[in-house]
N, C-alpha and C. Protein backbone atom coordinates (compact mmCIF):
# COMPACT_ATOMS: atom_id res chain seq x y z
N MET A 1 -83.97 178.54 75.28
CA MET A 1 -84.61 178.81 74.01
C MET A 1 -84.48 177.61 73.07
N LYS A 2 -83.30 176.97 73.05
CA LYS A 2 -83.09 175.82 72.17
C LYS A 2 -83.99 174.66 72.58
N LYS A 3 -84.20 174.47 73.89
CA LYS A 3 -85.06 173.39 74.36
C LYS A 3 -86.49 173.59 73.88
N VAL A 4 -86.97 174.83 73.91
CA VAL A 4 -88.33 175.13 73.47
C VAL A 4 -88.50 174.84 71.98
N LEU A 5 -87.56 175.25 71.16
CA LEU A 5 -87.62 174.99 69.72
C LEU A 5 -87.56 173.49 69.43
N PHE A 6 -86.68 172.77 70.15
CA PHE A 6 -86.57 171.34 69.96
C PHE A 6 -87.88 170.64 70.31
N MET A 7 -88.51 171.03 71.43
CA MET A 7 -89.78 170.44 71.84
C MET A 7 -90.88 170.73 70.82
N ALA A 8 -90.92 171.94 70.31
CA ALA A 8 -91.93 172.30 69.30
C ALA A 8 -91.74 171.48 68.04
N ALA A 9 -90.49 171.29 67.63
CA ALA A 9 -90.21 170.49 66.44
C ALA A 9 -90.59 169.03 66.67
N LEU A 10 -90.30 168.51 67.85
CA LEU A 10 -90.63 167.13 68.19
C LEU A 10 -92.14 166.92 68.21
N ILE A 11 -92.87 167.84 68.79
CA ILE A 11 -94.33 167.75 68.81
C ILE A 11 -94.88 167.81 67.39
N GLY A 12 -94.30 168.68 66.56
CA GLY A 12 -94.73 168.78 65.16
C GLY A 12 -94.52 167.48 64.40
N LEU A 13 -93.39 166.83 64.61
CA LEU A 13 -93.13 165.55 63.96
C LEU A 13 -94.10 164.48 64.42
N MET A 14 -94.40 164.46 65.70
CA MET A 14 -95.34 163.47 66.22
C MET A 14 -96.72 163.69 65.61
N GLY A 15 -97.12 164.94 65.43
CA GLY A 15 -98.41 165.25 64.83
C GLY A 15 -98.49 164.75 63.40
N CYS A 16 -97.40 164.88 62.64
CA CYS A 16 -97.40 164.42 61.24
C CYS A 16 -97.60 162.91 61.18
N LYS A 17 -96.90 162.18 62.05
CA LYS A 17 -97.04 160.73 62.04
C LYS A 17 -98.46 160.31 62.42
N LYS A 18 -99.05 161.01 63.35
CA LYS A 18 -100.42 160.68 63.76
C LYS A 18 -101.39 160.90 62.60
N GLU A 19 -101.26 162.01 61.86
CA GLU A 19 -102.14 162.27 60.71
C GLU A 19 -101.96 161.20 59.64
N GLN A 20 -100.71 160.83 59.37
CA GLN A 20 -100.46 159.82 58.35
C GLN A 20 -101.09 158.48 58.74
N SER A 21 -100.98 158.08 60.01
CA SER A 21 -101.56 156.80 60.41
C SER A 21 -103.08 156.86 60.37
N MET A 22 -103.68 158.02 60.65
CA MET A 22 -105.14 158.14 60.58
C MET A 22 -105.62 157.98 59.15
N GLU A 23 -104.87 158.51 58.17
CA GLU A 23 -105.28 158.36 56.77
C GLU A 23 -105.29 156.90 56.36
N LYS A 24 -104.33 156.12 56.80
CA LYS A 24 -104.27 154.70 56.45
C LYS A 24 -105.42 153.92 57.07
N ASP A 25 -105.85 154.30 58.28
CA ASP A 25 -106.87 153.58 59.00
C ASP A 25 -108.30 154.00 58.63
N ALA A 26 -108.44 155.05 57.85
CA ALA A 26 -109.78 155.55 57.50
C ALA A 26 -110.53 154.51 56.68
N ALA A 27 -111.79 154.30 57.04
CA ALA A 27 -112.63 153.33 56.33
C ALA A 27 -113.01 153.88 54.96
N PRO A 28 -113.15 153.01 53.96
CA PRO A 28 -113.58 153.48 52.63
C PRO A 28 -114.97 154.11 52.74
N SER A 29 -115.17 155.14 51.98
CA SER A 29 -116.45 155.85 52.08
C SER A 29 -117.49 155.29 51.12
N VAL A 30 -118.71 155.67 51.36
CA VAL A 30 -119.84 155.27 50.52
C VAL A 30 -119.75 156.03 49.21
N ARG A 31 -119.94 155.33 48.10
CA ARG A 31 -120.00 155.98 46.79
C ARG A 31 -121.46 156.26 46.50
N ARG A 32 -121.74 157.42 45.88
CA ARG A 32 -123.13 157.87 45.79
C ARG A 32 -123.43 158.53 44.44
N TYR A 33 -124.66 158.31 43.97
CA TYR A 33 -125.20 158.97 42.78
C TYR A 33 -126.54 159.57 43.20
N VAL A 34 -126.67 160.88 43.06
CA VAL A 34 -127.93 161.57 43.37
C VAL A 34 -128.28 162.42 42.17
N ALA A 35 -129.50 162.23 41.64
CA ALA A 35 -129.91 162.98 40.46
C ALA A 35 -131.40 163.26 40.49
N ILE A 36 -131.81 164.28 39.74
CA ILE A 36 -133.21 164.60 39.55
C ILE A 36 -133.55 164.25 38.10
N LEU A 37 -134.60 163.44 37.91
CA LEU A 37 -135.01 162.99 36.58
C LEU A 37 -136.32 163.67 36.17
N ASN A 38 -136.36 164.10 34.93
CA ASN A 38 -137.57 164.68 34.34
C ASN A 38 -137.81 164.05 32.98
N ALA A 39 -139.03 163.58 32.74
CA ALA A 39 -139.40 163.04 31.43
C ALA A 39 -140.90 163.20 31.29
N MET A 40 -141.32 164.04 30.40
CA MET A 40 -142.75 164.25 30.18
C MET A 40 -143.12 163.78 28.78
N SER A 41 -144.21 163.11 28.67
CA SER A 41 -144.81 162.53 27.45
C SER A 41 -143.90 161.58 26.68
N SER A 42 -142.83 162.01 26.08
CA SER A 42 -142.02 161.06 25.31
C SER A 42 -140.54 161.43 25.40
N GLY A 43 -139.72 160.46 25.09
CA GLY A 43 -138.29 160.71 25.04
C GLY A 43 -137.56 160.34 26.32
N ASP A 44 -136.25 160.42 26.21
CA ASP A 44 -135.38 160.09 27.34
C ASP A 44 -135.48 161.17 28.42
N PRO A 45 -135.29 160.78 29.65
CA PRO A 45 -135.35 161.79 30.72
C PRO A 45 -134.17 162.75 30.66
N THR A 46 -134.42 163.98 31.09
CA THR A 46 -133.32 164.91 31.32
C THR A 46 -132.86 164.67 32.76
N VAL A 47 -131.57 164.78 32.96
CA VAL A 47 -130.99 164.42 34.25
C VAL A 47 -130.19 165.60 34.80
N THR A 48 -130.48 165.96 36.03
CA THR A 48 -129.67 166.94 36.75
C THR A 48 -128.93 166.18 37.84
N ILE A 49 -127.63 166.05 37.67
CA ILE A 49 -126.83 165.29 38.64
C ILE A 49 -126.41 166.22 39.78
N LEU A 50 -126.76 165.83 40.99
CA LEU A 50 -126.42 166.60 42.17
C LEU A 50 -125.11 166.12 42.80
N GLU A 51 -124.87 164.81 42.72
CA GLU A 51 -123.64 164.21 43.25
C GLU A 51 -123.39 162.91 42.50
N ASN A 52 -122.13 162.65 42.16
CA ASN A 52 -121.83 161.40 41.47
C ASN A 52 -120.40 160.96 41.76
N THR A 53 -120.27 159.95 42.60
CA THR A 53 -118.98 159.32 42.85
C THR A 53 -118.99 157.86 42.41
N LEU A 54 -120.04 157.46 41.68
CA LEU A 54 -120.16 156.08 41.19
C LEU A 54 -119.61 155.93 39.78
N GLY A 55 -120.01 156.79 38.88
CA GLY A 55 -119.67 156.69 37.47
C GLY A 55 -120.85 157.11 36.63
N GLU A 56 -120.69 157.06 35.33
CA GLU A 56 -121.74 157.54 34.43
C GLU A 56 -122.92 156.57 34.36
N ILE A 57 -124.13 157.14 34.40
CA ILE A 57 -125.36 156.40 34.18
C ILE A 57 -126.09 157.09 33.04
N THR A 58 -126.44 156.34 32.01
CA THR A 58 -127.17 156.89 30.87
C THR A 58 -128.61 156.43 30.94
N TRP A 59 -129.53 157.38 31.09
CA TRP A 59 -130.96 157.08 31.24
C TRP A 59 -131.65 157.16 29.89
N THR A 60 -132.44 156.13 29.57
CA THR A 60 -133.22 156.10 28.33
C THR A 60 -134.65 155.64 28.65
N ALA A 61 -135.56 156.03 27.78
CA ALA A 61 -136.96 155.64 27.93
C ALA A 61 -137.28 154.49 26.99
N ALA A 62 -138.06 153.54 27.47
CA ALA A 62 -138.56 152.46 26.62
C ALA A 62 -139.74 153.00 25.81
N PRO A 63 -140.04 152.39 24.68
CA PRO A 63 -141.10 152.91 23.81
C PRO A 63 -142.48 153.02 24.47
N ASN A 64 -142.78 152.19 25.46
CA ASN A 64 -144.13 152.24 26.05
C ASN A 64 -144.29 153.31 27.12
N GLN A 65 -143.26 154.10 27.39
CA GLN A 65 -143.30 155.20 28.36
C GLN A 65 -143.47 154.75 29.81
N CYS A 66 -143.46 153.48 30.06
CA CYS A 66 -143.65 153.00 31.44
C CYS A 66 -142.38 152.40 32.02
N LEU A 67 -141.27 152.56 31.31
CA LEU A 67 -140.02 151.95 31.75
C LEU A 67 -138.86 152.87 31.37
N TYR A 68 -138.02 153.15 32.34
CA TYR A 68 -136.79 153.93 32.10
C TYR A 68 -135.61 153.06 32.52
N GLU A 69 -134.58 153.07 31.69
CA GLU A 69 -133.41 152.24 31.95
C GLU A 69 -132.20 153.11 32.24
N GLY A 70 -131.41 152.70 33.22
CA GLY A 70 -130.17 153.39 33.54
C GLY A 70 -129.00 152.47 33.28
N ALA A 71 -128.31 152.69 32.16
CA ALA A 71 -127.18 151.84 31.78
C ALA A 71 -125.90 152.35 32.43
N HIS A 72 -125.10 151.43 32.97
CA HIS A 72 -123.83 151.79 33.61
C HIS A 72 -122.84 150.67 33.41
N SER A 73 -121.56 150.98 33.62
CA SER A 73 -120.51 149.98 33.41
C SER A 73 -119.80 149.58 34.71
N PHE A 74 -120.37 149.93 35.86
CA PHE A 74 -119.74 149.59 37.13
C PHE A 74 -120.60 148.57 37.86
N ASP A 75 -120.02 147.91 38.83
CA ASP A 75 -120.69 146.84 39.57
C ASP A 75 -121.53 147.43 40.71
N LEU A 76 -122.79 147.00 40.81
CA LEU A 76 -123.67 147.39 41.91
C LEU A 76 -124.20 146.12 42.58
N PRO A 77 -123.41 145.49 43.43
CA PRO A 77 -123.88 144.26 44.08
C PRO A 77 -125.10 144.54 44.96
N THR A 78 -126.11 143.70 44.86
CA THR A 78 -127.36 143.94 45.57
C THR A 78 -127.20 143.94 47.09
N ASP A 79 -126.20 143.25 47.60
CA ASP A 79 -126.02 143.21 49.06
C ASP A 79 -125.26 144.43 49.60
N LYS A 80 -124.84 145.33 48.71
CA LYS A 80 -124.11 146.53 49.15
C LYS A 80 -124.68 147.80 48.54
N THR A 81 -125.82 147.71 47.88
CA THR A 81 -126.40 148.85 47.18
C THR A 81 -127.77 149.19 47.76
N VAL A 82 -127.98 150.49 48.00
CA VAL A 82 -129.27 150.99 48.46
C VAL A 82 -129.75 152.00 47.42
N ILE A 83 -130.97 151.79 46.91
CA ILE A 83 -131.56 152.71 45.94
C ILE A 83 -132.81 153.33 46.55
N THR A 84 -132.84 154.65 46.55
CA THR A 84 -134.01 155.37 47.03
C THR A 84 -134.54 156.19 45.87
N PHE A 85 -135.83 156.02 45.57
CA PHE A 85 -136.43 156.71 44.44
C PHE A 85 -137.73 157.35 44.89
N ASP A 86 -137.85 158.63 44.68
CA ASP A 86 -138.98 159.42 45.15
C ASP A 86 -140.07 159.49 44.07
N ASN A 87 -140.94 158.47 44.03
CA ASN A 87 -142.01 158.47 43.04
C ASN A 87 -143.13 157.54 43.51
N ASP A 88 -144.37 157.97 43.33
CA ASP A 88 -145.53 157.17 43.74
C ASP A 88 -145.91 156.11 42.71
N TYR A 89 -145.49 156.26 41.46
CA TYR A 89 -145.94 155.37 40.40
C TYR A 89 -144.87 154.39 39.93
N TYR A 90 -143.61 154.75 40.08
CA TYR A 90 -142.51 153.92 39.61
C TYR A 90 -141.77 153.29 40.78
N PHE A 91 -141.12 152.19 40.53
CA PHE A 91 -140.23 151.60 41.51
C PHE A 91 -138.89 151.31 40.85
N ALA A 92 -137.83 151.38 41.63
CA ALA A 92 -136.48 151.20 41.11
C ALA A 92 -136.02 149.77 41.34
N MET A 93 -135.32 149.21 40.35
CA MET A 93 -134.77 147.86 40.45
C MET A 93 -133.32 147.88 39.99
N ASN A 94 -132.49 147.12 40.66
CA ASN A 94 -131.10 146.94 40.28
C ASN A 94 -131.02 145.57 39.61
N THR A 95 -130.71 145.54 38.31
CA THR A 95 -130.65 144.28 37.58
C THR A 95 -129.23 144.04 37.07
N ILE A 96 -129.01 142.87 36.52
CA ILE A 96 -127.71 142.54 35.94
C ILE A 96 -127.38 143.49 34.79
N ASP A 97 -128.38 143.87 34.02
CA ASP A 97 -128.15 144.72 32.85
C ASP A 97 -128.12 146.21 33.17
N GLY A 98 -128.53 146.59 34.34
CA GLY A 98 -128.53 148.02 34.69
C GLY A 98 -129.66 148.32 35.66
N LEU A 99 -129.98 149.60 35.75
CA LEU A 99 -131.05 150.05 36.64
C LEU A 99 -132.34 150.19 35.84
N LEU A 100 -133.46 149.83 36.46
CA LEU A 100 -134.76 149.98 35.81
C LEU A 100 -135.67 150.79 36.71
N LEU A 101 -136.37 151.75 36.13
CA LEU A 101 -137.46 152.43 36.81
C LEU A 101 -138.70 151.95 36.11
N ASN A 102 -139.49 151.13 36.79
CA ASN A 102 -140.63 150.47 36.19
C ASN A 102 -141.90 150.96 36.86
N SER A 103 -143.03 150.86 36.14
CA SER A 103 -144.29 151.34 36.69
C SER A 103 -145.32 150.24 36.68
N GLU A 104 -146.04 150.12 37.80
CA GLU A 104 -147.21 149.26 37.85
C GLU A 104 -148.41 150.16 37.63
N GLY A 105 -149.24 149.88 36.67
CA GLY A 105 -150.39 150.71 36.38
C GLY A 105 -150.00 152.04 35.76
N CYS A 106 -149.11 151.98 34.79
CA CYS A 106 -148.62 153.19 34.15
C CYS A 106 -149.71 153.89 33.34
N VAL A 107 -149.73 155.19 33.39
CA VAL A 107 -150.61 156.00 32.56
C VAL A 107 -149.74 156.63 31.49
N TYR A 108 -150.10 156.47 30.22
CA TYR A 108 -149.28 156.98 29.12
C TYR A 108 -149.04 158.47 29.30
N GLY A 109 -147.79 158.87 29.16
CA GLY A 109 -147.44 160.27 29.26
C GLY A 109 -147.26 160.77 30.68
N GLN A 110 -147.41 159.88 31.64
CA GLN A 110 -147.26 160.29 33.04
C GLN A 110 -145.84 160.78 33.33
N GLY A 111 -144.86 160.10 32.81
CA GLY A 111 -143.48 160.52 32.90
C GLY A 111 -142.94 160.68 34.30
N LEU A 112 -141.84 161.40 34.39
CA LEU A 112 -141.17 161.68 35.65
C LEU A 112 -141.11 163.19 35.82
N ASN A 113 -141.50 163.67 36.96
CA ASN A 113 -141.53 165.11 37.19
C ASN A 113 -140.70 165.45 38.42
N ASN A 114 -139.46 165.90 38.19
CA ASN A 114 -138.55 166.25 39.29
C ASN A 114 -138.42 165.14 40.33
N GLN A 115 -138.18 163.94 39.85
CA GLN A 115 -138.06 162.78 40.73
C GLN A 115 -136.60 162.58 41.10
N THR A 116 -136.34 162.46 42.39
CA THR A 116 -134.97 162.28 42.87
C THR A 116 -134.66 160.79 43.02
N ILE A 117 -133.50 160.40 42.50
CA ILE A 117 -133.01 159.04 42.71
C ILE A 117 -131.65 159.13 43.41
N THR A 118 -131.49 158.28 44.42
CA THR A 118 -130.23 158.19 45.15
C THR A 118 -129.78 156.74 45.13
N ILE A 119 -128.54 156.53 44.70
CA ILE A 119 -127.96 155.19 44.69
C ILE A 119 -126.71 155.25 45.56
N GLU A 120 -126.66 154.39 46.57
CA GLU A 120 -125.53 154.37 47.49
C GLU A 120 -124.87 152.98 47.44
N LEU A 121 -123.58 152.97 47.22
CA LEU A 121 -122.81 151.73 47.17
C LEU A 121 -121.88 151.71 48.39
N TYR A 122 -122.09 150.72 49.26
CA TYR A 122 -121.33 150.60 50.49
C TYR A 122 -120.15 149.66 50.29
N PRO A 123 -119.04 149.93 50.99
CA PRO A 123 -117.83 149.09 50.83
C PRO A 123 -118.04 147.68 51.38
């Protein structure tokens, strides 16, 4: 009986060490921002955040209604950042000053209607 208990305890200790070493070896995960943007006619977009492990992004509209800016205080290096934006009229850009949703051939008041943006930052 004592041998069985000793073996069970030994196996348990080995399992703990294995879990601890796996945690140290785990690769850093991708940080992600996923949101739905809505902006009709005028004003800043309303934002529904679905996932956010990047940090705060504040979205504002430019006066001409064809440009939306996403201000943030974290680093998004272009060689490690992927931006996916679901819109036929706007395109997303990562700039030194922040994120821009810009439109080529903008129609006044066109706005954003349930547009999903995903920003992924890879280690």
